[in-house]
Structures are given as structure tokens and as C-alpha cells.
């Protein structure tokens, strides 16, 4: 393990159990992150307000991410969207929790940026990433999904759903598109171009 990465991980107390112990359903990253937030809230180790659900997408819904478990060799995976959890730590390094990466869990923010995001400068304009950053407590209060986006035209599951009931609120049964959308006029949280997100949350020391 590289020295800066090792030092960052040693100084940080993870907010979540090891990756294999986390509740996980393949292809339901938005719910996986919601469940991570639920766990953090139940433990009282860190304030939930230090965490953010981060939706990664763009207007074309074609975003490359490297170091994903479903990758082929060194090639990126092209997602329509992906969701990760950001911890804005009181130390000098923030951390990313991504259940779909081969990188450490948690991963220092700067390492994740370098290895998984790389740079928008190497991408064609249509593949450049944006993020929607939603504070975890707000995400838990507002997110809802009936999982209909994972059914085909015949109503069959494209991927098996999570084993627990659908997440819903008093007002919504399905609003996933409002989180995936990179239109700042809809949904919750703040929409940022990837470079602005990296500058805002990266190690400034």
C-alpha cells in the first residue's frame, strides 16, 4: 500500500463495517448508499450530517468510471449513473465509500479521484461527469424508489431486487430520476461539474 494512502487509512476510523459485511445488491447503488446512511445513523459514531450521497451522471447518462468490480482489464465501466457515499471528515482528508469499486473501502478522496475518476480532460465532452451532492440526512428523508427502472417491458426484473421493501416517503414512491438528473432546477442537493466537486472536497493542504 502506498505510504500516503496507508497513513490516511490508519488515522481514520471507518464509519462502516468491512465491505463484505455491508448490505449490498448489485445494480442498486442508490439503495445500497441509502442503507449505508441508515447504518451510520443507527451507530451514532459520526453525525449523519457529515455524509453525502453523490450521484454521478451527465446529460447523456454515459459516465466512465475506472476501478469498478465489473470492469474488463484496465478499461472503465460506462454507467448511466453511479452513486457513492462521501464522508467530509474532520481530518485533512475526506473519504469515499463505494461498494462497487476494487479500491479500498473506505478510500481516501484524493486516491479515489486519481484512480476511479481520473480527469475529465482525457474524455470527449459528451462523457464528462457531473455530480449531485445530497446531504445524507436529506437523502434519507427524500429518496424513494419503486424499482420500476429495473423491470423490462414485460415486467420482469433485469436484475434481482434487494430483499427488503421498497424505500418510499410520505410524498413519493418513485423519484430516482430527480436524483440522477443533472438539471440543478430539479431534485435535491447541489449539482456540480466534476472538477468543481474535486476542488471543493479534495485535500487542500
Protein backbone atom coordinates (compact mmCIF):
# COMPACT_ATOMS: atom_id res chain seq x y z
CA UNK A 1 0.00 0.00 0.00
CA UNK A 2 1.35 3.40 -0.91
CA UNK A 3 2.57 5.45 2.06
CA UNK A 4 0.10 8.40 1.87
CA UNK A 5 -2.82 6.01 1.41
CA UNK A 6 -1.73 3.85 4.33
CA UNK A 7 -1.25 6.88 6.58
CA UNK A 8 -4.68 8.26 5.75
CA UNK A 9 -6.40 4.96 6.47
CA UNK A 10 -4.54 4.39 9.75
CA UNK A 11 -5.57 7.81 11.09
CA UNK A 12 -9.24 7.36 10.15
CA UNK A 13 -11.87 5.31 11.96
CA UNK A 14 -14.24 3.84 9.33
CA UNK A 15 -17.90 4.66 9.73
CA UNK A 16 -18.99 1.33 8.28
CA UNK A 17 -18.08 -2.36 8.64
CA UNK A 18 -15.84 -4.07 6.10
CA UNK A 19 -17.31 -4.24 2.59
CA UNK A 20 -18.43 -7.94 2.78
CA UNK A 21 -20.48 -7.16 5.89
CA UNK A 22 -22.44 -4.31 4.27
CA UNK A 23 -25.88 -4.87 2.80
CA UNK A 24 -25.37 -4.91 -0.97
CA UNK A 25 -27.47 -5.60 -4.07
CA UNK A 26 -25.78 -5.45 -7.46
CA UNK A 27 -27.10 -2.70 -9.77
CA UNK A 28 -29.00 -0.91 -6.98
CA UNK A 29 -26.27 1.54 -5.93
CA UNK A 30 -28.76 4.24 -4.91
CA UNK A 31 -30.36 1.87 -2.39
CA UNK A 32 -27.01 0.49 -1.24
CA UNK A 33 -25.93 4.02 -0.32
CA UNK A 34 -29.28 4.71 1.38
CA UNK A 35 -28.72 1.60 3.51
CA UNK A 36 -25.17 2.74 4.36
CA UNK A 37 -26.65 6.03 5.57
CA UNK A 38 -29.21 4.11 7.63
CA UNK A 39 -26.42 2.12 9.27
CA UNK A 40 -24.39 5.27 10.07
CA UNK A 41 -27.46 6.89 11.63
CA UNK A 42 -28.02 3.84 13.84
CA UNK A 43 -24.47 3.78 15.19
CA UNK A 44 -24.01 7.37 16.43
CA UNK A 45 -20.28 7.17 15.74
CA UNK A 46 -20.30 10.16 13.40
CA UNK A 47 -23.01 12.78 12.78
CA UNK A 48 -25.02 11.78 9.72
CA UNK A 49 -24.69 15.39 8.54
CA UNK A 50 -21.00 14.73 7.74
CA UNK A 51 -22.02 12.32 4.94
CA UNK A 52 -23.29 12.94 1.42
CA UNK A 53 -24.88 10.75 -1.24
CA UNK A 54 -23.09 11.59 -4.50
CA UNK A 55 -24.87 10.78 -7.77
CA UNK A 56 -22.52 10.70 -10.78
CA UNK A 57 -24.03 11.15 -14.23
CA UNK A 58 -24.34 13.66 -17.08
CA UNK A 59 -26.89 14.86 -19.59
CA UNK A 60 -26.27 11.83 -21.83
CA UNK A 61 -26.25 9.42 -18.88
CA UNK A 62 -22.93 7.96 -20.06
CA UNK A 63 -20.18 8.31 -17.45
CA UNK A 64 -16.91 6.35 -17.33
CA UNK A 65 -15.54 5.15 -14.00
CA UNK A 66 -12.33 3.20 -13.54
CA UNK A 67 -11.51 0.55 -10.92
CA UNK A 68 -15.04 -0.84 -10.84
CA UNK A 69 -15.53 -4.51 -9.97
CA UNK A 70 -17.37 -5.13 -13.23
CA UNK A 71 -14.54 -3.71 -15.37
CA UNK A 72 -12.67 -5.63 -18.07
CA UNK A 73 -8.95 -5.27 -17.53
CA UNK A 74 -7.91 -1.64 -17.20
CA UNK A 75 -10.92 -0.30 -19.10
CA UNK A 76 -13.50 1.93 -17.44
CA UNK A 77 -17.12 0.92 -16.94
CA UNK A 78 -19.62 3.22 -18.65
CA UNK A 79 -22.52 3.73 -16.24
CA UNK A 80 -25.74 5.64 -16.89
CA UNK A 81 -25.28 6.76 -13.29
CA UNK A 82 -23.48 5.65 -10.18
CA UNK A 83 -23.88 6.54 -6.50
CA UNK A 84 -21.17 6.71 -3.85
CA UNK A 85 -21.03 7.94 -0.25
CA UNK A 86 -18.78 10.84 0.74
CA UNK A 87 -17.63 11.45 4.32
CA UNK A 88 -16.48 15.00 4.95
CA UNK A 89 -14.13 14.14 7.78
CA UNK A 90 -12.82 16.44 10.49
CA UNK A 91 -9.28 15.44 9.46
CA UNK A 92 -7.36 16.74 6.46
CA UNK A 93 -8.68 14.01 4.14
CA UNK A 94 -12.24 13.14 3.14
CA UNK A 95 -13.27 9.57 2.31
CA UNK A 96 -15.35 7.75 -0.31
CA UNK A 97 -17.36 4.58 0.31
CA UNK A 98 -18.08 2.73 -2.94
CA UNK A 99 -19.35 -0.85 -2.74
CA UNK A 100 -18.69 -1.38 -6.46
CA UNK A 101 -15.01 -0.49 -6.60
CA UNK A 102 -11.85 -2.58 -6.20
CA UNK A 103 -10.29 0.36 -4.34
CA UNK A 104 -10.17 0.35 -0.52
CA UNK A 105 -13.41 0.70 1.47
CA UNK A 106 -13.26 3.45 2.64
CA UNK A 107 -10.95 5.11 0.12
CA UNK A 108 -9.23 8.46 0.68
CA UNK A 109 -10.97 11.03 -1.52
CA UNK A 110 -7.85 12.03 -3.45
CA UNK A 111 -6.97 8.40 -4.18
CA UNK A 112 -10.49 7.72 -5.44
CA UNK A 113 -10.36 10.78 -7.68
CA UNK A 114 -7.00 9.77 -9.14
CA UNK A 115 -7.85 6.10 -9.65
CA UNK A 116 -11.61 6.00 -10.34
CA UNK A 117 -12.46 9.41 -11.80
CA UNK A 118 -9.11 10.23 -13.39
CA UNK A 119 -9.64 13.55 -15.24
CA UNK A 120 -12.37 14.95 -17.45
CA UNK A 121 -9.57 16.42 -19.58
CA UNK A 122 -8.90 12.99 -21.13
CA UNK A 123 -12.56 12.49 -22.09
CA UNK A 124 -14.67 13.58 -25.04
CA UNK A 125 -17.07 16.34 -23.92
CA UNK A 126 -20.10 14.03 -24.03
CA UNK A 127 -18.57 11.73 -21.39
CA UNK A 128 -17.56 14.40 -18.87
CA UNK A 129 -19.04 13.84 -15.45
CA UNK A 130 -21.27 15.88 -13.19
CA UNK A 131 -22.32 15.12 -9.64
CA UNK A 132 -25.35 15.76 -7.49
CA UNK A 133 -24.29 16.05 -3.85
CA UNK A 134 -27.09 15.44 -1.32
CA UNK A 135 -26.53 15.53 2.44
CA UNK A 136 -27.22 12.09 3.86
CA UNK A 137 -29.93 13.13 6.30
CA UNK A 138 -31.82 14.87 3.47
CA UNK A 139 -31.27 11.86 1.20
CA UNK A 140 -32.85 9.54 3.75
CA UNK A 141 -35.88 11.83 4.10
CA UNK A 142 -36.50 12.41 0.39
CA UNK A 143 -35.32 9.43 -1.71
CA UNK A 144 -37.87 6.92 -2.96
CA UNK A 145 -37.73 4.09 -5.49
CA UNK A 146 -40.34 1.55 -6.58
CA UNK A 147 -37.57 -0.18 -8.63
CA UNK A 148 -39.62 0.10 -11.82
CA UNK A 149 -36.49 1.23 -13.68
CA UNK A 150 -35.12 -2.29 -13.21
CA UNK A 151 -38.01 -4.04 -14.97
CA UNK A 152 -38.20 -4.73 -18.70
CA UNK A 153 -41.21 -4.08 -20.94
CA UNK A 154 -42.77 -7.38 -19.83
CA UNK A 155 -42.44 -6.50 -16.15
CA UNK A 156 -39.58 -8.95 -15.49
CA UNK A 157 -36.63 -7.99 -13.32
CA UNK A 158 -33.48 -7.14 -15.29
CA UNK A 159 -31.53 -7.71 -12.05
CA UNK A 160 -32.86 -9.30 -8.83
CA UNK A 161 -34.15 -6.63 -6.42
CA UNK A 162 -32.99 -6.11 -2.82
CA UNK A 163 -34.61 -8.40 -0.23
CA UNK A 164 -36.19 -5.57 1.80
CA UNK A 165 -39.31 -3.50 0.93
CA UNK A 166 -39.05 -0.56 -1.49
CA UNK A 167 -37.85 2.71 0.03
CA UNK A 168 -40.57 5.35 -0.02
CA UNK A 169 -41.57 8.57 1.72
CA UNK A 170 -44.91 10.09 2.66
CA UNK A 171 -44.79 12.11 -0.57
CA UNK A 172 -43.07 9.82 -3.08
CA UNK A 173 -42.95 6.22 -4.19
CA UNK A 174 -40.52 6.92 -7.07
CA UNK A 175 -38.28 9.96 -7.56
CA UNK A 176 -34.99 8.37 -8.60
CA UNK A 177 -34.86 10.39 -11.83
CA UNK A 178 -34.80 13.62 -9.82
CA UNK A 179 -31.54 12.46 -8.22
CA UNK A 180 -29.95 11.13 -11.41
CA UNK A 181 -30.85 14.32 -13.31
CA UNK A 182 -28.02 16.84 -13.54
CA UNK A 183 -30.50 19.69 -14.00
CA UNK A 184 -29.98 21.90 -10.94
CA UNK A 185 -33.58 23.06 -11.21
CA UNK A 186 -34.98 19.70 -10.10
CA UNK A 187 -34.45 17.43 -7.13
CA UNK A 188 -32.38 17.95 -4.00
CA UNK A 189 -28.79 18.87 -3.24
CA UNK A 190 -26.23 20.68 -5.39
CA UNK A 191 -25.21 19.86 -8.97
CA UNK A 192 -21.53 20.43 -9.79
CA UNK A 193 -19.18 19.69 -12.68
CA UNK A 194 -16.72 17.01 -11.59
CA UNK A 195 -13.67 19.37 -11.44
CA UNK A 196 -15.56 21.69 -9.08
CA UNK A 197 -16.54 18.76 -6.87
CA UNK A 198 -12.92 17.56 -6.77
CA UNK A 199 -11.62 21.03 -5.92
CA UNK A 200 -14.24 21.52 -3.20
CA UNK A 201 -13.70 18.24 -1.36
CA UNK A 202 -10.11 17.28 -2.18
CA UNK A 203 -7.15 17.67 0.16
CA UNK A 204 -6.24 21.35 0.07
CA UNK A 205 -3.15 21.05 2.28
